[in-house]
Each structure stands twice: as C-alpha cells, then as structure tokens.
Amino acid sequence: MSKITIRYFAAAAAAAGTEQELWSKPETLAQLRAELSEAYGPAMAQVLRAGSFLINGVVRRDAGALGTDEPLTVDVLPPFAGG
C-alpha cells in the first residue's frame, strides 16, 4: 500500500499532535477525512468540517479520488480568520 505525506497546520496540527506524518493512501478525499476524524477525534473533525485541503499544492473541495500521483502531499488547513 502506498503512503502519502500529510502536513497539518495550526488547529489541525494541534488536533493531530504533529505537524507531519506518513499515512496509508486512501482511495478518496472523503475516506481520508473519515480516517483522520476517527484517528484524532472531535477536534480534528471540527477542523475538517470547516477547513480545506491542498493536494500537491492545489485546493481540493470535492471528496473524490486522490489520484495516482506519486509522491502525494496533502496539506490540512484549518479555516483562517480575516477579511
């Protein structure tokens, strides 16, 4: 099974207890969201509900397939305040 690099920022890093880790690559972004919520609990689930993902530097809002790009880096970003 291939691995992806997940980088966490701000509240996502606090919820995960780390800024970066290797993770078994799921089929879809929806599956990754579910796995992270299960692994890190309500604090991470809250970040994931309002936050966003960058997949190899590109914003992803859909929950579809992660694709076959290797290596794959997923940034988990909490919502940012400001205007």
N, C-alpha and C. Protein backbone atom coordinates (compact mmCIF):
# COMPACT_ATOMS: atom_id res chain seq x y z
N MET A 1 0.85 -1.19 0.00
CA MET A 1 0.00 0.00 0.00
C MET A 1 0.89 1.24 0.00
N SER A 2 0.57 2.20 -0.83
CA SER A 2 1.39 3.40 -0.90
C SER A 2 1.06 4.35 0.24
N LYS A 3 2.00 5.22 0.49
CA LYS A 3 1.87 6.20 1.57
C LYS A 3 1.77 7.60 0.99
N ILE A 4 1.13 8.48 1.74
CA ILE A 4 1.09 9.90 1.41
C ILE A 4 1.67 10.66 2.59
N THR A 5 2.16 11.86 2.32
CA THR A 5 2.62 12.74 3.38
C THR A 5 1.48 13.69 3.71
N ILE A 6 1.14 13.76 4.99
CA ILE A 6 0.12 14.70 5.43
C ILE A 6 0.81 15.75 6.29
N ARG A 7 0.58 17.01 5.94
CA ARG A 7 1.12 18.13 6.73
C ARG A 7 -0.07 18.85 7.35
N TYR A 8 0.04 19.10 8.65
CA TYR A 8 -1.02 19.74 9.41
C TYR A 8 -0.59 21.15 9.80
N PHE A 9 -1.52 22.08 9.77
CA PHE A 9 -1.23 23.47 10.12
C PHE A 9 -2.18 23.96 11.21
N ALA A 10 -1.64 24.76 12.12
CA ALA A 10 -2.39 25.43 13.18
C ALA A 10 -3.28 24.46 13.96
N ALA A 11 -4.59 24.66 13.96
CA ALA A 11 -5.51 23.82 14.75
C ALA A 11 -5.48 22.37 14.31
N ALA A 12 -5.20 22.12 13.04
CA ALA A 12 -5.09 20.74 12.57
C ALA A 12 -3.88 20.06 13.19
N ALA A 13 -2.77 20.78 13.31
CA ALA A 13 -1.56 20.23 13.95
C ALA A 13 -1.81 19.98 15.43
N ALA A 14 -2.53 20.88 16.07
CA ALA A 14 -2.86 20.69 17.48
C ALA A 14 -3.72 19.45 17.67
N ALA A 15 -4.69 19.25 16.80
CA ALA A 15 -5.58 18.09 16.91
C ALA A 15 -4.83 16.78 16.65
N ALA A 16 -3.90 16.80 15.70
CA ALA A 16 -3.16 15.59 15.36
C ALA A 16 -1.99 15.34 16.30
N GLY A 17 -1.53 16.39 16.97
CA GLY A 17 -0.38 16.25 17.85
C GLY A 17 0.94 16.17 17.09
N THR A 18 0.92 16.56 15.83
CA THR A 18 2.12 16.54 14.99
C THR A 18 1.92 17.50 13.83
N GLU A 19 3.01 17.90 13.20
CA GLU A 19 2.91 18.77 12.03
C GLU A 19 2.98 18.00 10.71
N GLN A 20 3.46 16.74 10.79
CA GLN A 20 3.59 15.96 9.56
C GLN A 20 3.66 14.48 9.89
N GLU A 21 3.09 13.65 9.01
CA GLU A 21 3.19 12.20 9.18
C GLU A 21 2.95 11.51 7.85
N LEU A 22 3.38 10.26 7.79
CA LEU A 22 3.07 9.41 6.65
C LEU A 22 1.78 8.66 6.96
N TRP A 23 0.94 8.48 5.94
CA TRP A 23 -0.37 7.86 6.12
C TRP A 23 -0.59 6.91 4.95
N SER A 24 -1.26 5.81 5.21
CA SER A 24 -1.64 4.91 4.11
C SER A 24 -2.60 5.63 3.19
N LYS A 25 -2.32 5.59 1.90
CA LYS A 25 -3.12 6.36 0.94
C LYS A 25 -4.51 5.76 0.77
N PRO A 26 -5.55 6.56 1.10
CA PRO A 26 -6.92 6.12 0.86
C PRO A 26 -7.30 6.35 -0.60
N GLU A 27 -8.42 5.79 -0.99
CA GLU A 27 -8.91 5.96 -2.37
C GLU A 27 -9.41 7.38 -2.64
N THR A 28 -10.09 7.97 -1.66
CA THR A 28 -10.73 9.27 -1.88
C THR A 28 -10.42 10.25 -0.75
N LEU A 29 -10.67 11.50 -1.03
CA LEU A 29 -10.52 12.53 -0.01
C LEU A 29 -11.56 12.35 1.09
N ALA A 30 -12.75 11.90 0.73
CA ALA A 30 -13.79 11.62 1.73
C ALA A 30 -13.33 10.54 2.71
N GLN A 31 -12.67 9.51 2.18
CA GLN A 31 -12.16 8.44 3.04
C GLN A 31 -11.06 8.97 3.95
N LEU A 32 -10.18 9.81 3.43
CA LEU A 32 -9.12 10.39 4.26
C LEU A 32 -9.73 11.22 5.38
N ARG A 33 -10.73 12.03 5.05
CA ARG A 33 -11.40 12.85 6.06
C ARG A 33 -11.98 11.96 7.17
N ALA A 34 -12.62 10.87 6.80
CA ALA A 34 -13.21 9.95 7.79
C ALA A 34 -12.12 9.30 8.65
N GLU A 35 -11.03 8.89 8.02
CA GLU A 35 -9.94 8.24 8.76
C GLU A 35 -9.29 9.21 9.75
N LEU A 36 -9.07 10.45 9.33
CA LEU A 36 -8.46 11.44 10.22
C LEU A 36 -9.39 11.77 11.38
N SER A 37 -10.69 11.89 11.10
CA SER A 37 -11.66 12.16 12.16
C SER A 37 -11.69 11.03 13.17
N GLU A 38 -11.65 9.80 12.69
CA GLU A 38 -11.66 8.64 13.59
C GLU A 38 -10.38 8.57 14.40
N ALA A 39 -9.25 8.83 13.77
CA ALA A 39 -7.96 8.72 14.45
C ALA A 39 -7.75 9.81 15.49
N TYR A 40 -8.21 11.03 15.20
CA TYR A 40 -7.89 12.16 16.07
C TYR A 40 -9.08 12.79 16.78
N GLY A 41 -10.27 12.26 16.57
CA GLY A 41 -11.43 12.66 17.36
C GLY A 41 -12.11 13.96 16.98
N PRO A 42 -12.94 14.46 17.90
CA PRO A 42 -13.80 15.61 17.63
C PRO A 42 -13.05 16.89 17.23
N ALA A 43 -11.88 17.13 17.82
CA ALA A 43 -11.14 18.35 17.47
C ALA A 43 -10.75 18.34 16.00
N MET A 44 -10.28 17.20 15.50
CA MET A 44 -9.91 17.10 14.09
C MET A 44 -11.16 17.14 13.21
N ALA A 45 -12.22 16.49 13.63
CA ALA A 45 -13.46 16.50 12.85
C ALA A 45 -13.96 17.93 12.66
N GLN A 46 -13.84 18.75 13.69
CA GLN A 46 -14.27 20.14 13.60
C GLN A 46 -13.40 20.91 12.60
N VAL A 47 -12.09 20.71 12.64
CA VAL A 47 -11.19 21.35 11.69
C VAL A 47 -11.55 20.93 10.26
N LEU A 48 -11.79 19.65 10.06
CA LEU A 48 -12.07 19.13 8.72
C LEU A 48 -13.40 19.61 8.16
N ARG A 49 -14.38 19.86 9.02
CA ARG A 49 -15.68 20.37 8.56
C ARG A 49 -15.55 21.76 7.95
N ALA A 50 -14.71 22.60 8.54
CA ALA A 50 -14.62 23.98 8.09
C ALA A 50 -13.34 24.30 7.33
N GLY A 51 -12.37 23.41 7.39
CA GLY A 51 -11.07 23.67 6.77
C GLY A 51 -11.02 23.26 5.31
N SER A 52 -9.80 23.19 4.80
CA SER A 52 -9.63 22.82 3.40
C SER A 52 -8.39 21.95 3.23
N PHE A 53 -8.26 21.38 2.05
CA PHE A 53 -7.15 20.50 1.72
C PHE A 53 -6.41 21.06 0.51
N LEU A 54 -5.10 20.94 0.54
CA LEU A 54 -4.29 21.17 -0.65
C LEU A 54 -3.68 19.81 -1.00
N ILE A 55 -3.88 19.40 -2.23
CA ILE A 55 -3.32 18.14 -2.71
C ILE A 55 -2.21 18.51 -3.70
N ASN A 56 -0.98 18.22 -3.32
CA ASN A 56 0.18 18.65 -4.12
C ASN A 56 0.07 20.12 -4.50
N GLY A 57 -0.36 20.95 -3.53
CA GLY A 57 -0.40 22.39 -3.72
C GLY A 57 -1.64 22.94 -4.38
N VAL A 58 -2.61 22.08 -4.70
CA VAL A 58 -3.84 22.52 -5.37
C VAL A 58 -5.02 22.34 -4.42
N VAL A 59 -5.83 23.40 -4.26
CA VAL A 59 -7.01 23.33 -3.38
C VAL A 59 -7.98 22.30 -3.92
N ARG A 60 -8.47 21.45 -3.00
CA ARG A 60 -9.50 20.44 -3.35
C ARG A 60 -10.69 20.64 -2.45
N ARG A 61 -11.85 20.81 -3.05
CA ARG A 61 -13.08 20.96 -2.29
C ARG A 61 -14.00 19.75 -2.47
N ASP A 62 -13.78 18.96 -3.51
CA ASP A 62 -14.60 17.77 -3.73
C ASP A 62 -14.08 16.64 -2.86
N ALA A 63 -14.84 15.57 -2.77
CA ALA A 63 -14.46 14.44 -1.91
C ALA A 63 -14.01 13.25 -2.75
N GLY A 64 -13.71 13.48 -4.00
CA GLY A 64 -13.40 12.39 -4.93
C GLY A 64 -12.03 11.77 -4.78
N ALA A 65 -11.68 11.01 -5.79
CA ALA A 65 -10.44 10.22 -5.81
C ALA A 65 -9.22 11.11 -5.64
N LEU A 66 -8.23 10.59 -4.93
CA LEU A 66 -6.99 11.32 -4.74
C LEU A 66 -6.07 11.22 -5.94
N GLY A 67 -6.31 10.28 -6.82
CA GLY A 67 -5.48 10.14 -8.00
C GLY A 67 -4.28 9.24 -7.74
N THR A 68 -3.46 9.12 -8.75
CA THR A 68 -2.34 8.19 -8.65
C THR A 68 -0.99 8.89 -8.60
N ASP A 69 -0.99 10.20 -8.47
CA ASP A 69 0.27 10.94 -8.41
C ASP A 69 1.13 10.46 -7.26
N GLU A 70 2.38 10.20 -7.55
CA GLU A 70 3.34 9.84 -6.51
C GLU A 70 4.53 10.76 -6.64
N PRO A 71 5.08 11.29 -5.62
CA PRO A 71 4.57 11.27 -4.26
C PRO A 71 3.40 12.23 -4.10
N LEU A 72 2.58 11.97 -3.13
CA LEU A 72 1.39 12.78 -2.89
C LEU A 72 1.52 13.45 -1.52
N THR A 73 1.32 14.77 -1.50
CA THR A 73 1.34 15.53 -0.25
C THR A 73 -0.02 16.16 -0.05
N VAL A 74 -0.58 15.96 1.13
CA VAL A 74 -1.87 16.52 1.49
C VAL A 74 -1.66 17.50 2.64
N ASP A 75 -2.02 18.76 2.44
CA ASP A 75 -1.97 19.76 3.49
C ASP A 75 -3.36 19.92 4.07
N VAL A 76 -3.47 19.84 5.39
CA VAL A 76 -4.74 20.02 6.08
C VAL A 76 -4.71 21.41 6.70
N LEU A 77 -5.58 22.27 6.21
CA LEU A 77 -5.60 23.67 6.63
C LEU A 77 -6.89 23.99 7.38
N PRO A 78 -6.78 24.56 8.56
CA PRO A 78 -7.98 24.99 9.27
C PRO A 78 -8.53 26.25 8.60
N PRO A 79 -9.75 26.63 8.94
CA PRO A 79 -10.26 27.89 8.39
C PRO A 79 -9.43 29.04 8.96
N PHE A 80 -9.21 30.04 8.14
CA PHE A 80 -8.43 31.20 8.57
C PHE A 80 -9.35 32.39 8.76
N ALA A 81 -9.11 33.16 9.80
CA ALA A 81 -9.87 34.37 10.07
C ALA A 81 -9.31 35.51 9.24
N GLY A 82 -10.09 36.50 9.05
CA GLY A 82 -9.60 37.66 8.32
C GLY A 82 -10.56 38.10 7.25
N GLY A 83 -10.19 39.11 6.54
CA GLY A 83 -11.12 39.60 5.55
C GLY A 83 -10.48 40.21 4.39
